[in-house]
Protein backbone atom coordinates (compact mmCIF):
# COMPACT_ATOMS: atom_id res chain seq x y z
CA MET A 1 2.83 -34.95 9.30
CA LYS A 2 0.53 -37.89 9.06
CA GLY A 3 -2.22 -39.38 11.12
CA ARG A 4 -3.83 -37.84 14.13
CA TRP A 5 -0.97 -35.38 14.78
CA ALA A 6 -1.64 -33.72 11.43
CA GLN A 7 -5.10 -32.87 12.77
CA GLY A 8 -3.67 -31.01 15.74
CA LEU A 9 -4.85 -31.19 19.33
CA GLU A 10 -8.03 -29.89 20.92
CA PRO A 11 -7.32 -26.94 23.25
CA ARG A 12 -7.37 -27.72 26.96
CA ALA A 13 -10.72 -27.30 28.73
CA PHE A 14 -12.40 -26.82 25.34
CA CYS A 15 -16.20 -26.70 25.46
CA TRP A 16 -19.03 -25.44 23.30
CA VAL A 17 -21.17 -22.75 24.91
CA ILE A 18 -23.35 -22.30 21.83
CA ARG A 19 -23.06 -25.53 19.87
CA ASP A 20 -20.93 -25.19 16.73
CA ARG A 21 -20.83 -21.39 17.10
CA LEU A 22 -19.16 -20.23 20.33
CA ALA A 23 -16.57 -22.24 22.24
CA ALA A 24 -14.21 -21.47 25.09
CA SER A 25 -10.90 -22.83 26.32
CA GLU A 26 -7.74 -21.86 28.11
CA ARG A 27 -5.17 -19.97 26.02
CA PRO A 28 -3.95 -22.14 23.11
CA GLY A 29 -0.64 -23.62 24.19
CA GLY A 30 -1.45 -23.55 27.88
CA PHE A 31 -1.16 -20.90 30.53
CA ALA A 32 1.76 -19.21 32.25
CA ARG A 33 4.72 -21.54 32.88
CA ASN A 34 2.83 -24.47 31.33
CA HIS A 35 2.67 -22.70 27.96
CA ARG A 36 4.40 -24.58 25.15
CA LYS A 37 4.92 -23.20 21.65
CA VAL A 38 4.57 -26.67 20.08
CA ARG A 39 1.31 -27.25 21.93
CA ARG A 40 0.04 -23.83 20.77
CA GLN A 41 0.83 -24.71 17.16
CA GLU A 42 -0.94 -28.07 17.48
CA GLU A 43 -4.00 -26.42 18.99
CA LEU A 44 -4.09 -23.74 16.27
CA ILE A 45 -3.95 -26.50 13.64
CA TRP A 46 -6.92 -28.16 15.37
CA LEU A 47 -8.88 -24.88 15.47
CA ILE A 48 -8.24 -24.20 11.78
CA GLY A 49 -9.15 -27.78 10.89
CA HIS A 50 -12.41 -27.46 12.81
CA GLY A 51 -13.45 -24.32 10.95
CA PHE A 52 -12.93 -21.63 13.56
CA THR A 53 -13.31 -18.23 11.93
CA HIS A 54 -12.29 -15.95 14.83
CA LEU A 55 -10.43 -16.09 18.13
CA LEU A 56 -11.21 -13.62 20.89
CA SER A 57 -8.60 -13.17 23.59
CA VAL A 58 -9.75 -11.50 26.80
CA LEU A 59 -6.26 -11.69 28.32
CA ASP A 60 -4.88 -8.48 29.73
CA SER A 61 -1.59 -9.20 27.90
CA PRO A 62 -1.06 -9.63 24.14
CA HIS A 63 0.20 -13.24 24.52
CA ASN A 64 -0.33 -15.44 21.42
CA LEU A 65 -1.56 -12.66 19.13
CA HIS A 66 1.49 -12.97 16.89
CA ALA A 67 0.84 -16.72 16.59
CA TYR A 68 -2.77 -16.13 15.50
CA GLU A 69 -1.57 -13.67 12.90
CA GLU A 70 1.09 -16.10 11.62
CA ALA A 71 -1.51 -18.89 11.45
CA GLY A 72 -3.86 -16.65 9.47
CA ILE A 73 -6.68 -16.83 12.02
CA PRO A 74 -8.65 -13.60 12.42
CA PHE A 75 -8.67 -12.47 16.03
CA ALA A 76 -9.50 -9.66 18.39
CA HIS A 77 -7.84 -8.79 21.66
CA LEU A 78 -10.25 -7.22 24.12
CA PRO A 79 -8.77 -7.39 27.62
CA ILE A 80 -11.35 -7.75 30.37
CA GLY A 81 -9.23 -5.62 32.69
CA ARG A 82 -9.86 -4.75 36.33
CA ARG A 83 -13.22 -4.68 38.07
CA ASP A 84 -13.51 -0.89 37.72
CA GLU A 85 -13.01 -1.22 33.93
CA TRP A 86 -15.74 -3.83 33.36
CA PRO A 87 -18.60 -1.37 32.74
CA ASP A 88 -16.63 0.04 29.81
CA ARG A 89 -14.96 -3.12 28.51
CA LEU A 90 -17.72 -5.74 28.75
CA PRO A 91 -20.12 -4.01 26.32
CA GLU A 92 -17.41 -3.87 23.63
CA LEU A 93 -16.55 -7.50 24.23
CA TYR A 94 -20.22 -8.57 24.06
CA ARG A 95 -20.84 -6.43 20.94
CA THR A 96 -17.87 -8.02 19.20
CA LEU A 97 -19.12 -11.53 19.95
CA GLY A 98 -22.67 -10.57 18.97
CA GLY A 99 -21.52 -9.02 15.73
CA TRP A 100 -19.55 -12.09 14.75
CA LEU A 101 -22.34 -14.46 15.77
CA ALA A 102 -24.85 -12.51 13.67
CA ASP A 103 -23.21 -14.29 10.72
CA PRO A 104 -24.35 -17.95 10.81
CA GLU A 105 -21.04 -19.03 9.25
CA GLU A 106 -18.97 -17.80 12.19
CA ARG A 107 -17.34 -20.21 14.62
CA ILE A 108 -15.58 -18.46 17.50
CA LEU A 109 -13.19 -19.46 20.27
CA LEU A 110 -13.13 -17.22 23.33
CA HIS A 111 -10.19 -17.68 25.68
CA HIS A 112 -8.45 -16.31 28.73
CA GLU A 113 -5.14 -17.39 30.24
CA GLU A 114 -6.80 -20.32 31.98
CA PHE A 115 -10.29 -21.75 31.99
CA GLY A 116 -11.37 -19.99 35.14
CA ASP A 117 -13.68 -17.46 36.72
CA ARG A 118 -12.95 -14.49 34.50
CA LEU A 119 -13.66 -16.47 31.33
CA LEU A 120 -16.73 -18.17 32.80
CA GLY A 121 -18.11 -14.83 33.96
CA VAL A 122 -17.73 -13.35 30.49
CA LEU A 123 -19.53 -16.35 28.99
CA ALA A 124 -22.42 -16.05 31.46
CA GLY A 125 -22.55 -12.30 30.85
CA TYR A 126 -22.71 -12.85 27.11
CA LEU A 127 -25.69 -15.20 27.51
CA LEU A 128 -27.47 -12.35 29.30
CA TYR A 129 -26.38 -9.72 26.79
CA SER A 130 -27.57 -11.81 23.85
CA GLY A 131 -30.94 -12.60 25.43
CA LEU A 132 -30.27 -16.34 25.40
CA VAL A 133 -31.05 -16.27 29.13
CA ALA A 134 -33.10 -13.64 30.95
CA GLU A 135 -31.66 -13.52 34.47
CA GLY A 136 -28.25 -13.55 36.14
CA PRO A 137 -28.85 -16.66 38.26
CA HIS A 138 -30.02 -18.56 35.17
CA ALA A 139 -26.86 -17.52 33.27
CA VAL A 140 -24.74 -18.81 36.17
CA VAL A 141 -26.56 -22.16 36.26
CA VAL A 142 -26.34 -22.60 32.47
CA ILE A 143 -22.59 -21.93 32.38
CA GLU A 144 -22.00 -24.20 35.37
CA LYS A 145 -23.91 -26.99 33.65
CA ILE A 146 -22.19 -26.52 30.28
CA THR A 147 -18.67 -26.32 31.71
CA GLY A 148 -19.04 -28.61 34.72
CA ARG A 149 -17.39 -25.93 36.86
CA GLN A 150 -18.79 -23.87 39.69
CA LEU A 151 -18.63 -20.12 39.17
CA GLY A 152 -16.75 -18.29 41.89
CA ALA A 153 -16.96 -14.74 43.18
CA VAL A 154 -15.21 -13.08 40.21
CA ALA A 155 -17.46 -14.78 37.63
CA ARG A 156 -20.56 -13.89 39.60
CA GLU A 157 -19.37 -10.29 39.88
CA ILE A 158 -19.01 -10.08 36.08
CA VAL A 159 -22.59 -11.33 35.78
CA ALA A 160 -23.71 -8.77 38.39
CA VAL A 161 -22.02 -5.92 36.49
CA THR A 162 -23.68 -7.10 33.27
CA VAL A 163 -27.08 -6.99 34.99
CA GLU A 164 -26.49 -3.73 36.90
CA GLU A 165 -25.24 -1.90 33.81
CA GLN A 166 -28.18 -3.29 31.78
CA MET A 167 -25.93 -4.63 29.06
CA VAL A 168 -28.40 -6.05 26.57
CA GLN A 169 -28.02 -6.54 22.83
CA PRO A 170 -30.73 -4.94 20.70
CA SER A 171 -33.31 -7.65 19.99
CA SER A 172 -33.09 -7.20 16.22
CA SER A 173 -29.48 -8.37 16.13
CA ARG A 174 -29.63 -11.27 18.61
CA PRO A 175 -28.32 -14.63 17.43
CA SER A 176 -30.69 -17.57 17.47
CA PRO A 177 -28.38 -20.52 18.13
CA ARG A 178 -29.16 -23.27 20.60
CA VAL A 179 -27.60 -23.12 24.04
C-alpha cells in the first residue's frame, strides 16, 4: 500500500475528549449492518499509526475483540450493560480509564457500537469521576461542546448514576490532562 491508504482511515465520529490522551468514536469498522471488515482494518491501521496504546470497548457484545488482538492493540472489554448494572459496571470502567491515563504515555480510544448516548454518558461520567469537572450539568455541557451532540436521556441518566453513587477517583491518582 502506498499513499494515504497506507495510513488508514480515521474512525467515524472520532473526537478527542482529553486532547492527545482520550478519544472516542463509533466501533471501528462501523456499526451493525454498516460494519465492514475492510473499513475496520483501515481504521485499526490509522489508530496504530496515531499511537493509540489501548482500546476500550463498552459494547455489550464482544464484536471486534478478535480484530484488536490480531492487530496487536491492547484492549479491554467492559460492557456498560443495563441501567440496573451501571452502579457496578461504571466504577470498573472509570477505574480502568483512570489507571491507563495515569501513565502520560497512554493514548486511549473508547468506543461503543455507535457514537450515541451510551458512549457520551460514559464520557461525561468519566469527567466527573476523574475530577476534571465538578458537577453533572457541567460534565453534560462539556461533552456536548466537545462532541457537538446533545446528550439525551440515557446519557444524562449515566451522569446521574455517577453522581448518585458518588463515583469519584481518589485525588492522588487523578490525571492532569487538558479538557
